[in-house]
Amino acid sequence: GEYGLNDICIGVPVVLGRNGIEKIVDIPLSDAEKEHMKASAEGVRKTNGLLNVEA
């Protein structure tokens, strides 16, 4: 997945065209920013787990 994240839906910057997404913009992240992104994704996973929604 983008930024090394899998099995989660988060927003990433993209270039939009007439027919939708043309490309994903790859923004270089520092090691600290990558760790913050992973922590944020884990928080989303934990919150999703509290919702008791079946996939």
N, C-alpha and C. Protein backbone atom coordinates (compact mmCIF):
# COMPACT_ATOMS: atom_id res chain seq x y z
N GLY A 1 0.82 -1.19 0.00
CA GLY A 1 0.00 0.00 0.00
C GLY A 1 0.86 1.25 0.00
N GLU A 2 0.18 2.35 -0.11
CA GLU A 2 0.88 3.63 -0.10
C GLU A 2 1.52 3.86 1.26
N TYR A 3 2.70 4.41 1.26
CA TYR A 3 3.44 4.74 2.48
C TYR A 3 3.64 3.52 3.38
N GLY A 4 3.65 2.33 2.80
CA GLY A 4 3.89 1.12 3.57
C GLY A 4 2.71 0.67 4.41
N LEU A 5 1.54 1.23 4.17
CA LEU A 5 0.34 0.87 4.94
C LEU A 5 -0.56 -0.02 4.11
N ASN A 6 -1.06 -1.08 4.73
CA ASN A 6 -1.95 -2.02 4.05
C ASN A 6 -3.20 -2.25 4.88
N ASP A 7 -4.26 -2.69 4.23
CA ASP A 7 -5.51 -3.06 4.90
C ASP A 7 -6.14 -1.91 5.67
N ILE A 8 -6.01 -0.69 5.14
CA ILE A 8 -6.63 0.48 5.77
C ILE A 8 -6.90 1.52 4.69
N CYS A 9 -7.95 2.26 4.86
CA CYS A 9 -8.30 3.32 3.91
C CYS A 9 -8.02 4.67 4.54
N ILE A 10 -7.06 5.38 3.99
CA ILE A 10 -6.76 6.74 4.43
C ILE A 10 -6.59 7.60 3.19
N GLY A 11 -6.72 8.89 3.33
CA GLY A 11 -6.58 9.79 2.20
C GLY A 11 -5.12 10.07 1.90
N VAL A 12 -4.79 10.09 0.63
CA VAL A 12 -3.46 10.49 0.18
C VAL A 12 -3.64 11.50 -0.94
N PRO A 13 -2.66 12.38 -1.14
CA PRO A 13 -2.80 13.38 -2.19
C PRO A 13 -2.76 12.74 -3.58
N VAL A 14 -3.64 13.22 -4.45
CA VAL A 14 -3.73 12.70 -5.81
C VAL A 14 -3.88 13.85 -6.80
N VAL A 15 -3.63 13.54 -8.06
CA VAL A 15 -3.94 14.45 -9.15
C VAL A 15 -5.23 13.95 -9.77
N LEU A 16 -6.24 14.82 -9.79
CA LEU A 16 -7.53 14.45 -10.37
C LEU A 16 -7.63 14.95 -11.79
N GLY A 17 -8.20 14.13 -12.64
CA GLY A 17 -8.46 14.51 -14.01
C GLY A 17 -9.93 14.34 -14.33
N ARG A 18 -10.28 14.50 -15.55
CA ARG A 18 -11.67 14.39 -16.00
C ARG A 18 -12.28 13.04 -15.65
N ASN A 19 -11.48 11.99 -15.71
CA ASN A 19 -11.99 10.64 -15.46
C ASN A 19 -11.64 10.11 -14.07
N GLY A 20 -11.28 10.99 -13.16
CA GLY A 20 -10.95 10.56 -11.80
C GLY A 20 -9.47 10.70 -11.51
N ILE A 21 -8.96 9.80 -10.68
CA ILE A 21 -7.57 9.88 -10.25
C ILE A 21 -6.63 9.55 -11.40
N GLU A 22 -5.72 10.47 -11.68
CA GLU A 22 -4.71 10.23 -12.72
C GLU A 22 -3.44 9.64 -12.13
N LYS A 23 -3.06 10.11 -10.94
CA LYS A 23 -1.88 9.54 -10.29
C LYS A 23 -1.90 9.91 -8.81
N ILE A 24 -1.23 9.09 -8.03
CA ILE A 24 -1.04 9.36 -6.61
C ILE A 24 0.25 10.15 -6.47
N VAL A 25 0.18 11.25 -5.73
CA VAL A 25 1.35 12.09 -5.51
C VAL A 25 2.16 11.51 -4.35
N ASP A 26 3.39 11.12 -4.64
CA ASP A 26 4.26 10.53 -3.62
C ASP A 26 5.03 11.65 -2.94
N ILE A 27 4.65 11.95 -1.71
CA ILE A 27 5.33 13.00 -0.94
C ILE A 27 6.36 12.33 -0.04
N PRO A 28 7.63 12.73 -0.16
CA PRO A 28 8.66 12.14 0.70
C PRO A 28 8.39 12.51 2.17
N LEU A 29 8.43 11.51 3.04
CA LEU A 29 8.22 11.73 4.46
C LEU A 29 9.50 11.43 5.23
N SER A 30 9.75 12.21 6.26
CA SER A 30 10.89 11.93 7.14
C SER A 30 10.56 10.68 7.96
N ASP A 31 11.55 10.13 8.62
CA ASP A 31 11.31 8.95 9.46
C ASP A 31 10.28 9.26 10.54
N ALA A 32 10.36 10.45 11.13
CA ALA A 32 9.41 10.83 12.17
C ALA A 32 7.99 10.93 11.60
N GLU A 33 7.86 11.50 10.41
CA GLU A 33 6.55 11.61 9.77
C GLU A 33 5.97 10.24 9.44
N LYS A 34 6.83 9.32 9.01
CA LYS A 34 6.37 7.95 8.73
C LYS A 34 5.85 7.28 9.99
N GLU A 35 6.53 7.49 11.10
CA GLU A 35 6.09 6.92 12.37
C GLU A 35 4.75 7.52 12.80
N HIS A 36 4.59 8.82 12.59
CA HIS A 36 3.31 9.47 12.92
C HIS A 36 2.19 8.92 12.04
N MET A 37 2.48 8.69 10.77
CA MET A 37 1.48 8.14 9.84
C MET A 37 1.08 6.74 10.28
N LYS A 38 2.05 5.91 10.66
CA LYS A 38 1.75 4.56 11.13
C LYS A 38 0.93 4.59 12.41
N ALA A 39 1.27 5.50 13.32
CA ALA A 39 0.51 5.62 14.58
C ALA A 39 -0.92 6.06 14.30
N SER A 40 -1.09 6.97 13.36
CA SER A 40 -2.42 7.44 13.00
C SER A 40 -3.24 6.30 12.40
N ALA A 41 -2.63 5.53 11.51
CA ALA A 41 -3.33 4.39 10.89
C ALA A 41 -3.72 3.37 11.95
N GLU A 42 -2.86 3.14 12.93
CA GLU A 42 -3.18 2.20 14.00
C GLU A 42 -4.35 2.72 14.83
N GLY A 43 -4.40 4.02 15.05
CA GLY A 43 -5.53 4.61 15.77
C GLY A 43 -6.84 4.41 15.02
N VAL A 44 -6.79 4.55 13.70
CA VAL A 44 -7.99 4.31 12.88
C VAL A 44 -8.40 2.84 12.97
N ARG A 45 -7.44 1.94 12.91
CA ARG A 45 -7.75 0.51 13.03
C ARG A 45 -8.42 0.20 14.37
N LYS A 46 -7.88 0.76 15.45
CA LYS A 46 -8.45 0.52 16.78
C LYS A 46 -9.86 1.08 16.88
N THR A 47 -10.07 2.27 16.35
CA THR A 47 -11.40 2.87 16.37
C THR A 47 -12.37 2.04 15.56
N ASN A 48 -11.94 1.58 14.39
CA ASN A 48 -12.80 0.73 13.57
C ASN A 48 -13.18 -0.54 14.31
N GLY A 49 -12.26 -1.08 15.09
CA GLY A 49 -12.54 -2.29 15.85
C GLY A 49 -13.60 -2.09 16.93
N LEU A 50 -13.77 -0.87 17.38
CA LEU A 50 -14.78 -0.57 18.40
C LEU A 50 -16.19 -0.44 17.83
N LEU A 51 -16.29 -0.35 16.51
CA LEU A 51 -17.58 -0.09 15.87
C LEU A 51 -18.49 -1.31 15.78
N ASN A 52 -17.95 -2.50 15.97
CA ASN A 52 -18.74 -3.74 15.88
C ASN A 52 -19.48 -3.86 14.54
N VAL A 53 -18.79 -3.54 13.46
CA VAL A 53 -19.36 -3.65 12.12
C VAL A 53 -18.70 -4.83 11.42
N GLU A 54 -19.52 -5.70 10.84
CA GLU A 54 -18.97 -6.85 10.12
C GLU A 54 -18.59 -6.44 8.71
N ALA A 55 -17.46 -6.96 8.25
CA ALA A 55 -17.00 -6.64 6.90
C ALA A 55 -17.74 -7.45 5.87
